[in-house]
Amino acid sequence: AAEISMLEWEAKTAADRRRSAPSGFVPARRVDVYLHVRMSPVF
């Protein structure tokens, strides 16, 4: 039905886990994800 892309990120240091680093993840709003998903070529 589709080919799914799997992504994984691992915090290298304790500082990465505490801050919103460029490569780190923080909670997102539903509206932001919704708009991104709808415009995504991967989706």
ModelCIF file with pLDDT and N, C-alpha, C, O atoms, coordinates in Angstrom:
data_MODEL
#
_entry.id   MODEL 
#
_entity.id                         1 
_entity.type                       polymer 
_entity.pdbx_number_of_molecules   1 
#
_entity_poly.entity_id                      1 
_entity_poly.type                           'polypeptide(L)' 
_entity_poly.nstd_linkage                   no 
_entity_poly.nstd_monomer                   no 
_entity_poly.pdbx_seq_one_letter_code       AAEISMLEWEAKTAADRRRSAPSGFVPARRVDVYLHVRMSPVF 
_entity_poly.pdbx_seq_one_letter_code_can   AAEISMLEWEAKTAADRRRSAPSGFVPARRVDVYLHVRMSPVF 
_entity_poly.pdbx_strand_id                 A 
#
loop_
_entity_poly_seq.entity_id 
_entity_poly_seq.num 
_entity_poly_seq.mon_id 
_entity_poly_seq.hetero 
1 1  ALA n 
1 2  ALA n 
1 3  GLU n 
1 4  ILE n 
1 5  SER n 
1 6  MET n 
1 7  LEU n 
1 8  GLU n 
1 9  TRP n 
1 10 GLU n 
1 11 ALA n 
1 12 LYS n 
1 13 THR n 
1 14 ALA n 
1 15 ALA n 
1 16 ASP n 
1 17 ARG n 
1 18 ARG n 
1 19 ARG n 
1 20 SER n 
1 21 ALA n 
1 22 PRO n 
1 23 SER n 
1 24 GLY n 
1 25 PHE n 
1 26 VAL n 
1 27 PRO n 
1 28 ALA n 
1 29 ARG n 
1 30 ARG n 
1 31 VAL n 
1 32 ASP n 
1 33 VAL n 
1 34 TYR n 
1 35 LEU n 
1 36 HIS n 
1 37 VAL n 
1 38 ARG n 
1 39 MET n 
1 40 SER n 
1 41 PRO n 
1 42 VAL n 
1 43 PHE n 
#
_struct_asym.id          A 
_struct_asym.entity_id   1 
#
loop_
_ma_qa_metric.id 
_ma_qa_metric.mode 
_ma_qa_metric.name 
_ma_qa_metric.software_group_id 
_ma_qa_metric.type 
1 global pLDDT . pLDDT 
2 local  pLDDT . pLDDT 
#
_ma_qa_metric_global.metric_id      1 
_ma_qa_metric_global.metric_value   66.37 
_ma_qa_metric_global.model_id       1 
_ma_qa_metric_global.ordinal_id     1 
#
loop_
_ma_qa_metric_local.label_asym_id 
_ma_qa_metric_local.label_comp_id 
_ma_qa_metric_local.label_seq_id 
_ma_qa_metric_local.metric_id 
_ma_qa_metric_local.metric_value 
_ma_qa_metric_local.model_id 
_ma_qa_metric_local.ordinal_id 
A ALA 1  2 82.00 1 1  
A ALA 2  2 78.00 1 2  
A GLU 3  2 79.00 1 3  
A ILE 4  2 73.00 1 4  
A SER 5  2 68.00 1 5  
A MET 6  2 65.00 1 6  
A LEU 7  2 62.00 1 7  
A GLU 8  2 62.00 1 8  
A TRP 9  2 60.00 1 9  
A GLU 10 2 65.00 1 10 
A ALA 11 2 59.00 1 11 
A LYS 12 2 65.00 1 12 
A THR 13 2 64.00 1 13 
A ALA 14 2 62.00 1 14 
A ALA 15 2 62.00 1 15 
A ASP 16 2 56.00 1 16 
A ARG 17 2 54.00 1 17 
A ARG 18 2 55.00 1 18 
A ARG 19 2 54.00 1 19 
A SER 20 2 49.00 1 20 
A ALA 21 2 47.00 1 21 
A PRO 22 2 47.00 1 22 
A SER 23 2 51.00 1 23 
A GLY 24 2 61.00 1 24 
A PHE 25 2 67.00 1 25 
A VAL 26 2 73.00 1 26 
A PRO 27 2 74.00 1 27 
A ALA 28 2 76.00 1 28 
A ARG 29 2 76.00 1 29 
A ARG 30 2 74.00 1 30 
A VAL 31 2 76.00 1 31 
A ASP 32 2 74.00 1 32 
A VAL 33 2 73.00 1 33 
A TYR 34 2 72.00 1 34 
A LEU 35 2 74.00 1 35 
A HIS 36 2 73.00 1 36 
A VAL 37 2 71.00 1 37 
A ARG 38 2 72.00 1 38 
A MET 39 2 74.00 1 39 
A SER 40 2 72.00 1 40 
A PRO 41 2 72.00 1 41 
A VAL 42 2 64.00 1 42 
A PHE 43 2 67.00 1 43 
#
loop_
_atom_site.group_PDB 
_atom_site.id 
_atom_site.type_symbol 
_atom_site.label_atom_id 
_atom_site.label_alt_id 
_atom_site.label_comp_id 
_atom_site.label_asym_id 
_atom_site.label_entity_id 
_atom_site.label_seq_id 
_atom_site.pdbx_PDB_ins_code 
_atom_site.Cartn_x 
_atom_site.Cartn_y 
_atom_site.Cartn_z 
_atom_site.occupancy 
_atom_site.B_iso_or_equiv 
_atom_site.pdbx_formal_charge 
_atom_site.auth_seq_id 
_atom_site.auth_comp_id 
_atom_site.auth_asym_id 
_atom_site.auth_atom_id 
_atom_site.pdbx_PDB_model_num 
ATOM 1   N N  . ALA A 1 1  ? 0.824  -1.209 0.000  1.00 82.00 ? 1  ALA A N  1 
ATOM 2   C CA . ALA A 1 1  ? 0.000  0.000  0.000  1.00 82.00 ? 1  ALA A CA 1 
ATOM 3   C C  . ALA A 1 1  ? 0.854  1.252  0.000  1.00 82.00 ? 1  ALA A C  1 
ATOM 4   O O  . ALA A 1 1  ? 0.470  2.260  -0.593 1.00 82.00 ? 1  ALA A O  1 
ATOM 5   N N  . ALA A 1 2  ? 2.007  1.208  0.655  1.00 78.00 ? 2  ALA A N  1 
ATOM 6   C CA . ALA A 1 2  ? 2.883  2.367  0.722  1.00 78.00 ? 2  ALA A CA 1 
ATOM 7   C C  . ALA A 1 2  ? 4.226  1.941  1.273  1.00 78.00 ? 2  ALA A C  1 
ATOM 8   O O  . ALA A 1 2  ? 4.333  0.912  1.940  1.00 78.00 ? 2  ALA A O  1 
ATOM 9   N N  . GLU A 1 3  ? 5.253  2.733  0.995  1.00 79.00 ? 3  GLU A N  1 
ATOM 10  C CA . GLU A 1 3  ? 6.558  2.556  1.599  1.00 79.00 ? 3  GLU A CA 1 
ATOM 11  C C  . GLU A 1 3  ? 6.736  3.636  2.659  1.00 79.00 ? 3  GLU A C  1 
ATOM 12  O O  . GLU A 1 3  ? 6.587  4.826  2.380  1.00 79.00 ? 3  GLU A O  1 
ATOM 13  N N  . ILE A 1 4  ? 7.055  3.210  3.871  1.00 73.00 ? 4  ILE A N  1 
ATOM 14  C CA . ILE A 1 4  ? 7.109  4.094  5.026  1.00 73.00 ? 4  ILE A CA 1 
ATOM 15  C C  . ILE A 1 4  ? 8.555  4.430  5.374  1.00 73.00 ? 4  ILE A C  1 
ATOM 16  O O  . ILE A 1 4  ? 9.412  3.547  5.402  1.00 73.00 ? 4  ILE A O  1 
ATOM 17  N N  . SER A 1 5  ? 8.821  5.694  5.637  1.00 68.00 ? 5  SER A N  1 
ATOM 18  C CA . SER A 1 5  ? 10.155 6.129  6.044  1.00 68.00 ? 5  SER A CA 1 
ATOM 19  C C  . SER A 1 5  ? 10.268 6.082  7.568  1.00 68.00 ? 5  SER A C  1 
ATOM 20  O O  . SER A 1 5  ? 9.418  6.631  8.268  1.00 68.00 ? 5  SER A O  1 
ATOM 21  N N  . MET A 1 6  ? 11.303 5.436  8.078  1.00 65.00 ? 6  MET A N  1 
ATOM 22  C CA . MET A 1 6  ? 11.517 5.327  9.513  1.00 65.00 ? 6  MET A CA 1 
ATOM 23  C C  . MET A 1 6  ? 12.692 6.203  9.908  1.00 65.00 ? 6  MET A C  1 
ATOM 24  O O  . MET A 1 6  ? 13.780 6.064  9.351  1.00 65.00 ? 6  MET A O  1 
ATOM 25  N N  . LEU A 1 7  ? 12.486 7.113  10.874 1.00 62.00 ? 7  LEU A N  1 
ATOM 26  C CA . LEU A 1 7  ? 13.525 8.012  11.353 1.00 62.00 ? 7  LEU A CA 1 
ATOM 27  C C  . LEU A 1 7  ? 13.806 7.747  12.827 1.00 62.00 ? 7  LEU A C  1 
ATOM 28  O O  . LEU A 1 7  ? 12.896 7.424  13.591 1.00 62.00 ? 7  LEU A O  1 
ATOM 29  N N  . GLU A 1 8  ? 15.067 7.883  13.220 1.00 62.00 ? 8  GLU A N  1 
ATOM 30  C CA . GLU A 1 8  ? 15.439 7.680  14.614 1.00 62.00 ? 8  GLU A CA 1 
ATOM 31  C C  . GLU A 1 8  ? 16.455 8.730  15.026 1.00 62.00 ? 8  GLU A C  1 
ATOM 32  O O  . GLU A 1 8  ? 17.375 9.044  14.271 1.00 62.00 ? 8  GLU A O  1 
ATOM 33  N N  . TRP A 1 9  ? 16.288 9.270  16.224 1.00 60.00 ? 9  TRP A N  1 
ATOM 34  C CA . TRP A 1 9  ? 17.238 10.242 16.767 1.00 60.00 ? 9  TRP A CA 1 
ATOM 35  C C  . TRP A 1 9  ? 17.591 9.820  18.169 1.00 60.00 ? 9  TRP A C  1 
ATOM 36  O O  . TRP A 1 9  ? 16.726 9.384  18.928 1.00 60.00 ? 9  TRP A O  1 
ATOM 37  N N  . GLU A 1 10 ? 18.873 9.947  18.523 1.00 65.00 ? 10 GLU A N  1 
ATOM 38  C CA . GLU A 1 10 ? 19.343 9.572  19.859 1.00 65.00 ? 10 GLU A CA 1 
ATOM 39  C C  . GLU A 1 10 ? 20.110 10.735 20.466 1.00 65.00 ? 10 GLU A C  1 
ATOM 40  O O  . GLU A 1 10 ? 21.007 11.299 19.839 1.00 65.00 ? 10 GLU A O  1 
ATOM 41  N N  . ALA A 1 11 ? 19.746 11.088 21.694 1.00 59.00 ? 11 ALA A N  1 
ATOM 42  C CA . ALA A 1 11 ? 20.460 12.155 22.397 1.00 59.00 ? 11 ALA A CA 1 
ATOM 43  C C  . ALA A 1 11 ? 21.863 11.670 22.748 1.00 59.00 ? 11 ALA A C  1 
ATOM 44  O O  . ALA A 1 11 ? 22.021 10.636 23.397 1.00 59.00 ? 11 ALA A O  1 
ATOM 45  N N  . LYS A 1 12 ? 22.882 12.417 22.320 1.00 65.00 ? 12 LYS A N  1 
ATOM 46  C CA . LYS A 1 12 ? 24.263 12.011 22.565 1.00 65.00 ? 12 LYS A CA 1 
ATOM 47  C C  . LYS A 1 12 ? 24.736 12.383 23.965 1.00 65.00 ? 12 LYS A C  1 
ATOM 48  O O  . LYS A 1 12 ? 25.577 11.697 24.546 1.00 65.00 ? 12 LYS A O  1 
ATOM 49  N N  . THR A 1 13 ? 24.193 13.473 24.504 1.00 64.00 ? 13 THR A N  1 
ATOM 50  C CA . THR A 1 13 ? 24.623 13.940 25.816 1.00 64.00 ? 13 THR A CA 1 
ATOM 51  C C  . THR A 1 13 ? 23.418 14.323 26.655 1.00 64.00 ? 13 THR A C  1 
ATOM 52  O O  . THR A 1 13 ? 22.305 14.447 26.144 1.00 64.00 ? 13 THR A O  1 
ATOM 53  N N  . ALA A 1 14 ? 23.647 14.509 27.944 1.00 62.00 ? 14 ALA A N  1 
ATOM 54  C CA . ALA A 1 14 ? 22.574 14.952 28.825 1.00 62.00 ? 14 ALA A CA 1 
ATOM 55  C C  . ALA A 1 14 ? 22.070 16.327 28.412 1.00 62.00 ? 14 ALA A C  1 
ATOM 56  O O  . ALA A 1 14 ? 20.883 16.623 28.554 1.00 62.00 ? 14 ALA A O  1 
ATOM 57  N N  . ALA A 1 15 ? 22.966 17.170 27.901 1.00 62.00 ? 15 ALA A N  1 
ATOM 58  C CA . ALA A 1 15 ? 22.565 18.512 27.461 1.00 62.00 ? 15 ALA A CA 1 
ATOM 59  C C  . ALA A 1 15 ? 21.588 18.434 26.299 1.00 62.00 ? 15 ALA A C  1 
ATOM 60  O O  . ALA A 1 15 ? 20.640 19.216 26.230 1.00 62.00 ? 15 ALA A O  1 
ATOM 61  N N  . ASP A 1 16 ? 21.814 17.487 25.378 1.00 56.00 ? 16 ASP A N  1 
ATOM 62  C CA . ASP A 1 16 ? 20.893 17.312 24.255 1.00 56.00 ? 16 ASP A CA 1 
ATOM 63  C C  . ASP A 1 16 ? 19.509 16.932 24.736 1.00 56.00 ? 16 ASP A C  1 
ATOM 64  O O  . ASP A 1 16 ? 18.504 17.327 24.145 1.00 56.00 ? 16 ASP A O  1 
ATOM 65  N N  . ARG A 1 17 ? 19.461 16.159 25.815 1.00 54.00 ? 17 ARG A N  1 
ATOM 66  C CA . ARG A 1 17 ? 18.159 15.707 26.311 1.00 54.00 ? 17 ARG A CA 1 
ATOM 67  C C  . ARG A 1 17 ? 17.421 16.829 27.030 1.00 54.00 ? 17 ARG A C  1 
ATOM 68  O O  . ARG A 1 17 ? 16.195 16.794 27.139 1.00 54.00 ? 17 ARG A O  1 
ATOM 69  N N  . ARG A 1 18 ? 18.163 17.831 27.524 1.00 55.00 ? 18 ARG A N  1 
ATOM 70  C CA . ARG A 1 18 ? 17.528 18.906 28.294 1.00 55.00 ? 18 ARG A CA 1 
ATOM 71  C C  . ARG A 1 18 ? 17.078 20.078 27.433 1.00 55.00 ? 18 ARG A C  1 
ATOM 72  O O  . ARG A 1 18 ? 16.073 20.718 27.742 1.00 55.00 ? 18 ARG A O  1 
ATOM 73  N N  . ARG A 1 19 ? 17.802 20.368 26.361 1.00 54.00 ? 19 ARG A N  1 
ATOM 74  C CA . ARG A 1 19 ? 17.504 21.588 25.623 1.00 54.00 ? 19 ARG A CA 1 
ATOM 75  C C  . ARG A 1 19 ? 16.842 21.281 24.285 1.00 54.00 ? 19 ARG A C  1 
ATOM 76  O O  . ARG A 1 19 ? 16.834 20.139 23.827 1.00 54.00 ? 19 ARG A O  1 
ATOM 77  N N  . SER A 1 20 ? 16.290 22.319 23.669 1.00 49.00 ? 20 SER A N  1 
ATOM 78  C CA . SER A 1 20 ? 15.728 22.196 22.331 1.00 49.00 ? 20 SER A CA 1 
ATOM 79  C C  . SER A 1 20 ? 16.864 22.374 21.330 1.00 49.00 ? 20 SER A C  1 
ATOM 80  O O  . SER A 1 20 ? 16.977 23.427 20.704 1.00 49.00 ? 20 SER A O  1 
ATOM 81  N N  . ALA A 1 21 ? 17.697 21.362 21.176 1.00 47.00 ? 21 ALA A N  1 
ATOM 82  C CA . ALA A 1 21 ? 18.831 21.432 20.268 1.00 47.00 ? 21 ALA A CA 1 
ATOM 83  C C  . ALA A 1 21 ? 18.352 21.370 18.818 1.00 47.00 ? 21 ALA A C  1 
ATOM 84  O O  . ALA A 1 21 ? 17.254 20.874 18.564 1.00 47.00 ? 21 ALA A O  1 
ATOM 85  N N  . PRO A 1 22 ? 19.149 21.864 17.852 1.00 47.00 ? 22 PRO A N  1 
ATOM 86  C CA . PRO A 1 22 ? 18.724 21.836 16.453 1.00 47.00 ? 22 PRO A CA 1 
ATOM 87  C C  . PRO A 1 22 ? 18.331 20.447 15.973 1.00 47.00 ? 22 PRO A C  1 
ATOM 88  O O  . PRO A 1 22 ? 17.439 20.310 15.136 1.00 47.00 ? 22 PRO A O  1 
ATOM 89  N N  . SER A 1 23 ? 18.991 19.409 16.499 1.00 51.00 ? 23 SER A N  1 
ATOM 90  C CA . SER A 1 23 ? 18.678 18.046 16.077 1.00 51.00 ? 23 SER A CA 1 
ATOM 91  C C  . SER A 1 23 ? 17.755 17.328 17.054 1.00 51.00 ? 23 SER A C  1 
ATOM 92  O O  . SER A 1 23 ? 17.374 16.180 16.824 1.00 51.00 ? 23 SER A O  1 
ATOM 93  N N  . GLY A 1 24 ? 17.393 18.009 18.157 1.00 61.00 ? 24 GLY A N  1 
ATOM 94  C CA . GLY A 1 24 ? 16.556 17.360 19.154 1.00 61.00 ? 24 GLY A CA 1 
ATOM 95  C C  . GLY A 1 24 ? 15.078 17.618 18.923 1.00 61.00 ? 24 GLY A C  1 
ATOM 96  O O  . GLY A 1 24 ? 14.709 18.448 18.093 1.00 61.00 ? 24 GLY A O  1 
ATOM 97  N N  . PHE A 1 25 ? 14.236 16.911 19.655 1.00 67.00 ? 25 PHE A N  1 
ATOM 98  C CA . PHE A 1 25 ? 12.794 16.997 19.494 1.00 67.00 ? 25 PHE A CA 1 
ATOM 99  C C  . PHE A 1 25 ? 12.159 17.632 20.726 1.00 67.00 ? 25 PHE A C  1 
ATOM 100 O O  . PHE A 1 25 ? 12.584 17.383 21.854 1.00 67.00 ? 25 PHE A O  1 
ATOM 101 N N  . VAL A 1 26 ? 11.148 18.446 20.500 1.00 73.00 ? 26 VAL A N  1 
ATOM 102 C CA . VAL A 1 26 ? 10.330 19.010 21.567 1.00 73.00 ? 26 VAL A CA 1 
ATOM 103 C C  . VAL A 1 26 ? 8.871  18.849 21.159 1.00 73.00 ? 26 VAL A C  1 
ATOM 104 O O  . VAL A 1 26 ? 8.593  18.666 19.974 1.00 73.00 ? 26 VAL A O  1 
ATOM 105 N N  . PRO A 1 27 ? 7.932  18.911 22.096 1.00 74.00 ? 27 PRO A N  1 
ATOM 106 C CA . PRO A 1 27 ? 6.517  18.754 21.739 1.00 74.00 ? 27 PRO A CA 1 
ATOM 107 C C  . PRO A 1 27 ? 6.072  19.796 20.708 1.00 74.00 ? 27 PRO A C  1 
ATOM 108 O O  . PRO A 1 27 ? 6.531  20.939 20.716 1.00 74.00 ? 27 PRO A O  1 
ATOM 109 N N  . ALA A 1 28 ? 5.166  19.369 19.819 1.00 76.00 ? 28 ALA A N  1 
ATOM 110 C CA . ALA A 1 28 ? 4.654  20.243 18.758 1.00 76.00 ? 28 ALA A CA 1 
ATOM 111 C C  . ALA A 1 28 ? 3.151  20.407 18.880 1.00 76.00 ? 28 ALA A C  1 
ATOM 112 O O  . ALA A 1 28 ? 2.471  19.567 19.469 1.00 76.00 ? 28 ALA A O  1 
ATOM 113 N N  . ARG A 1 29 ? 2.643  21.477 18.330 1.00 76.00 ? 29 ARG A N  1 
ATOM 114 C CA . ARG A 1 29 ? 1.202  21.706 18.291 1.00 76.00 ? 29 ARG A CA 1 
ATOM 115 C C  . ARG A 1 29 ? 0.574  20.894 17.166 1.00 76.00 ? 29 ARG A C  1 
ATOM 116 O O  . ARG A 1 29 ? 1.199  20.664 16.132 1.00 76.00 ? 29 ARG A O  1 
ATOM 117 N N  . ARG A 1 30 ? -0.655 20.466 17.374 1.00 74.00 ? 30 ARG A N  1 
ATOM 118 C CA . ARG A 1 30 ? -1.335 19.661 16.358 1.00 74.00 ? 30 ARG A CA 1 
ATOM 119 C C  . ARG A 1 30 ? -1.462 20.416 15.046 1.00 74.00 ? 30 ARG A C  1 
ATOM 120 O O  . ARG A 1 30 ? -1.295 19.820 13.981 1.00 74.00 ? 30 ARG A O  1 
ATOM 121 N N  . VAL A 1 31 ? -1.749 21.694 15.090 1.00 76.00 ? 31 VAL A N  1 
ATOM 122 C CA . VAL A 1 31 ? -1.944 22.458 13.862 1.00 76.00 ? 31 VAL A CA 1 
ATOM 123 C C  . VAL A 1 31 ? -0.667 22.522 13.045 1.00 76.00 ? 31 VAL A C  1 
ATOM 124 O O  . VAL A 1 31 ? -0.722 22.491 11.816 1.00 76.00 ? 31 VAL A O  1 
ATOM 125 N N  . ASP A 1 32 ? 0.507  22.611 13.716 1.00 74.00 ? 32 ASP A N  1 
ATOM 126 C CA . ASP A 1 32 ? 1.771  22.657 12.989 1.00 74.00 ? 32 ASP A CA 1 
ATOM 127 C C  . ASP A 1 32 ? 2.045  21.332 12.281 1.00 74.00 ? 32 ASP A C  1 
ATOM 128 O O  . ASP A 1 32 ? 2.462  21.310 11.123 1.00 74.00 ? 32 ASP A O  1 
ATOM 129 N N  . VAL A 1 33 ? 1.806  20.234 12.987 1.00 73.00 ? 33 VAL A N  1 
ATOM 130 C CA . VAL A 1 33 ? 2.019  18.917 12.381 1.00 73.00 ? 33 VAL A CA 1 
ATOM 131 C C  . VAL A 1 33 ? 1.032  18.699 11.246 1.00 73.00 ? 33 VAL A C  1 
ATOM 132 O O  . VAL A 1 33 ? 1.395  18.164 10.199 1.00 73.00 ? 33 VAL A O  1 
ATOM 133 N N  . TYR A 1 34 ? -0.218 19.112 11.449 1.00 72.00 ? 34 TYR A N  1 
ATOM 134 C CA . TYR A 1 34 ? -1.245 18.935 10.421 1.00 72.00 ? 34 TYR A CA 1 
ATOM 135 C C  . TYR A 1 34 ? -0.840 19.620 9.116  1.00 72.00 ? 34 TYR A C  1 
ATOM 136 O O  . TYR A 1 34 ? -0.919 19.018 8.045  1.00 72.00 ? 34 TYR A O  1 
ATOM 137 N N  . LEU A 1 35 ? -0.411 20.866 9.206  1.00 74.00 ? 35 LEU A N  1 
ATOM 138 C CA . LEU A 1 35 ? -0.033 21.608 8.008  1.00 74.00 ? 35 LEU A CA 1 
ATOM 139 C C  . LEU A 1 35 ? 1.193  21.001 7.343  1.00 74.00 ? 35 LEU A C  1 
ATOM 140 O O  . LEU A 1 35 ? 1.268  20.915 6.118  1.00 74.00 ? 35 LEU A O  1 
ATOM 141 N N  . HIS A 1 36 ? 2.155  20.579 8.162  1.00 73.00 ? 36 HIS A N  1 
ATOM 142 C CA . HIS A 1 36 ? 3.371  19.974 7.616  1.00 73.00 ? 36 HIS A CA 1 
ATOM 143 C C  . HIS A 1 36 ? 3.053  18.663 6.905  1.00 73.00 ? 36 HIS A C  1 
ATOM 144 O O  . HIS A 1 36 ? 3.559  18.408 5.812  1.00 73.00 ? 36 HIS A O  1 
ATOM 145 N N  . VAL A 1 37 ? 2.220  17.836 7.518  1.00 71.00 ? 37 VAL A N  1 
ATOM 146 C CA . VAL A 1 37 ? 1.860  16.549 6.933  1.00 71.00 ? 37 VAL A CA 1 
ATOM 147 C C  . VAL A 1 37 ? 1.156  16.739 5.602  1.00 71.00 ? 37 VAL A C  1 
ATOM 148 O O  . VAL A 1 37 ? 1.452  16.041 4.633  1.00 71.00 ? 37 VAL A O  1 
ATOM 149 N N  . ARG A 1 38 ? 0.225  17.681 5.551  1.00 72.00 ? 38 ARG A N  1 
ATOM 150 C CA . ARG A 1 38 ? -0.549 17.885 4.331  1.00 72.00 ? 38 ARG A CA 1 
ATOM 151 C C  . ARG A 1 38 ? 0.305  18.364 3.163  1.00 72.00 ? 38 ARG A C  1 
ATOM 152 O O  . ARG A 1 38 ? -0.047 18.133 2.007  1.00 72.00 ? 38 ARG A O  1 
ATOM 153 N N  . MET A 1 39 ? 1.426  19.032 3.453  1.00 74.00 ? 39 MET A N  1 
ATOM 154 C CA . MET A 1 39 ? 2.279  19.550 2.388  1.00 74.00 ? 39 MET A CA 1 
ATOM 155 C C  . MET A 1 39 ? 3.497  18.667 2.119  1.00 74.00 ? 39 MET A C  1 
ATOM 156 O O  . MET A 1 39 ? 4.310  18.980 1.250  1.00 74.00 ? 39 MET A O  1 
ATOM 157 N N  . SER A 1 40 ? 3.625  17.574 2.855  1.00 72.00 ? 40 SER A N  1 
ATOM 158 C CA . SER A 1 40 ? 4.816  16.742 2.761  1.00 72.00 ? 40 SER A CA 1 
ATOM 159 C C  . SER A 1 40 ? 4.791  15.819 1.551  1.00 72.00 ? 40 SER A C  1 
ATOM 160 O O  . SER A 1 40 ? 3.821  15.081 1.378  1.00 72.00 ? 40 SER A O  1 
ATOM 161 N N  . PRO A 1 41 ? 5.828  15.830 0.702  1.00 72.00 ? 41 PRO A N  1 
ATOM 162 C CA . PRO A 1 41 ? 5.891  14.873 -0.408 1.00 72.00 ? 41 PRO A CA 1 
ATOM 163 C C  . PRO A 1 41 ? 6.071  13.442 0.070  1.00 72.00 ? 41 PRO A C  1 
ATOM 164 O O  . PRO A 1 41 ? 5.645  12.503 -0.603 1.00 72.00 ? 41 PRO A O  1 
ATOM 165 N N  . VAL A 1 42 ? 6.707  13.266 1.245  1.00 64.00 ? 42 VAL A N  1 
ATOM 166 C CA . VAL A 1 42 ? 6.860  11.922 1.806  1.00 64.00 ? 42 VAL A CA 1 
ATOM 167 C C  . VAL A 1 42 ? 5.493  11.358 2.178  1.00 64.00 ? 42 VAL A C  1 
ATOM 168 O O  . VAL A 1 42 ? 5.188  10.198 1.904  1.00 64.00 ? 42 VAL A O  1 
ATOM 169 N N  . PHE A 1 43 ? 4.681  12.195 2.803  1.00 67.00 ? 43 PHE A N  1 
ATOM 170 C CA . PHE A 1 43 ? 3.329  11.788 3.173  1.00 67.00 ? 43 PHE A CA 1 
ATOM 171 C C  . PHE A 1 43 ? 2.521  11.412 1.935  1.00 67.00 ? 43 PHE A C  1 
ATOM 172 O O  . PHE A 1 43 ? 1.353  11.041 2.049  1.00 67.00 ? 43 PHE A O  1 
#
